């Protein structure tokens, strides 16, 4: 099942370390079949506040996503980002093809009615 690395990074002045991080991150993704699908594009906030940028990286599965994040290649460049940008980073499974929210609701309803 496809998995994603999601990041919500706060706006901050661009630092040379962050530029170096950006120059090097793609090479860390390649061995794990990771690819950016969102990388700081325009944000249209419809509810709440969202101070910062959104980054979404797609992986074939959660194992590949975890392996990328824990890899020595990524851990080597991570401080270039974390010293200058704050935010949250998570890994999450996607949904199976044909996902149906109403079926999910029915499953949850049955479980809570027991």
Protein backbone atom coordinates (compact mmCIF):
# COMPACT_ATOMS: atom_id res chain seq x y z
CA UNK A 1 0.00 0.00 0.00
CA UNK A 2 1.37 3.41 -0.92
CA UNK A 3 2.66 5.44 2.03
CA UNK A 4 3.53 9.08 2.45
CA UNK A 5 5.95 11.25 4.37
CA UNK A 6 4.09 14.43 5.31
CA UNK A 7 5.75 17.57 6.59
CA UNK A 8 4.32 20.87 7.77
CA UNK A 9 7.30 23.21 7.96
CA UNK A 10 7.04 26.75 9.33
CA UNK A 11 8.19 29.67 7.22
CA UNK A 12 11.68 30.86 8.06
CA UNK A 13 14.40 32.83 6.31
CA UNK A 14 16.23 30.65 3.81
CA UNK A 15 19.59 29.53 5.11
CA UNK A 16 22.49 28.12 3.05
CA UNK A 17 22.14 24.82 4.97
CA UNK A 18 18.52 24.50 3.80
CA UNK A 19 19.59 25.04 0.21
CA UNK A 20 22.22 22.31 0.59
CA UNK A 21 19.53 20.03 2.08
CA UNK A 22 17.31 20.69 -0.94
CA UNK A 23 20.18 19.96 -3.31
CA UNK A 24 20.85 16.61 -1.65
CA UNK A 25 17.46 15.18 -0.63
CA UNK A 26 16.47 13.70 -4.00
CA UNK A 27 19.49 11.39 -3.94
CA UNK A 28 18.35 10.04 -0.54
CA UNK A 29 14.87 9.26 -1.92
CA UNK A 30 15.95 7.35 -5.03
CA UNK A 31 17.00 4.06 -3.34
CA UNK A 32 13.58 3.87 -1.67
CA UNK A 33 11.49 4.81 -4.74
CA UNK A 34 10.42 8.02 -3.01
CA UNK A 35 9.21 11.02 -4.98
CA UNK A 36 7.87 14.44 -4.13
CA UNK A 37 4.21 14.89 -4.96
CA UNK A 38 3.83 18.19 -3.07
CA UNK A 39 6.78 20.45 -2.33
CA UNK A 40 5.82 23.80 -0.88
CA UNK A 41 3.26 24.83 -3.50
CA UNK A 42 0.53 27.43 -3.06
CA UNK A 43 -1.80 26.71 -0.12
CA UNK A 44 -5.48 27.68 -0.02
CA UNK A 45 -6.38 27.38 3.69
CA UNK A 46 -10.11 26.68 3.95
CA UNK A 47 -10.34 25.97 7.68
CA UNK A 48 -8.04 26.88 10.55
CA UNK A 49 -4.50 28.21 10.31
CA UNK A 50 -1.63 26.78 8.31
CA UNK A 51 1.52 28.82 8.85
CA UNK A 52 4.08 27.27 6.60
CA UNK A 53 4.64 24.88 3.75
CA UNK A 54 3.35 21.40 2.95
CA UNK A 55 5.63 18.65 1.71
CA UNK A 56 4.36 15.21 0.65
CA UNK A 57 6.69 12.44 -0.47
CA UNK A 58 5.23 9.22 -1.88
CA UNK A 59 6.75 5.78 -1.26
CA UNK A 60 5.69 2.31 -2.42
CA UNK A 61 4.88 1.33 1.17
CA UNK A 62 5.45 2.26 4.81
CA UNK A 63 8.52 0.01 5.07
CA UNK A 64 10.26 1.97 2.29
CA UNK A 65 9.23 5.29 3.89
CA UNK A 66 10.63 4.26 7.28
CA UNK A 67 13.80 2.90 5.69
CA UNK A 68 14.35 6.20 3.85
CA UNK A 69 13.85 8.29 6.99
CA UNK A 70 16.19 6.08 9.03
CA UNK A 71 18.79 5.76 6.27
CA UNK A 72 22.29 7.06 6.93
CA UNK A 73 22.05 9.21 3.78
CA UNK A 74 18.95 11.03 5.04
CA UNK A 75 20.12 11.23 8.66
CA UNK A 76 23.31 12.89 7.41
CA UNK A 77 21.42 15.79 5.78
CA UNK A 78 18.47 16.06 8.20
CA UNK A 79 20.26 18.49 10.57
CA UNK A 80 20.68 20.92 7.67
CA UNK A 81 16.88 21.29 7.78
CA UNK A 82 16.12 20.83 11.47
CA UNK A 83 18.63 23.46 12.63
CA UNK A 84 16.71 26.11 10.67
CA UNK A 85 13.12 24.96 10.05
CA UNK A 86 10.59 23.81 12.63
CA UNK A 87 7.53 21.71 12.02
CA UNK A 88 6.01 18.28 12.09
CA UNK A 89 7.03 15.26 10.00
CA UNK A 90 4.94 12.07 9.89
CA UNK A 91 4.74 8.84 7.95
CA UNK A 92 1.30 7.52 7.05
CA UNK A 93 -0.23 4.70 5.04
CA UNK A 94 -2.38 5.61 2.07
CA UNK A 95 -5.69 3.88 1.35
CA UNK A 96 -6.37 0.86 -0.81
CA UNK A 97 -7.85 1.42 -4.27
CA UNK A 98 -11.64 1.60 -3.99
CA UNK A 99 -11.54 2.99 -0.44
CA UNK A 100 -15.07 3.85 0.68
CA UNK A 101 -15.54 6.18 3.66
CA UNK A 102 -19.11 4.94 4.22
CA UNK A 103 -17.79 1.39 4.69
CA UNK A 104 -15.26 2.72 7.19
CA UNK A 105 -18.07 4.50 9.06
CA UNK A 106 -20.13 1.27 9.14
CA UNK A 107 -17.17 -0.66 10.56
CA UNK A 108 -16.61 1.96 13.25
CA UNK A 109 -20.34 2.10 14.03
CA UNK A 110 -20.52 -1.69 14.50
CA UNK A 111 -17.44 -1.65 16.75
CA UNK A 112 -18.82 1.12 18.98
CA UNK A 113 -22.29 -0.46 19.28
CA UNK A 114 -20.93 -3.65 20.86
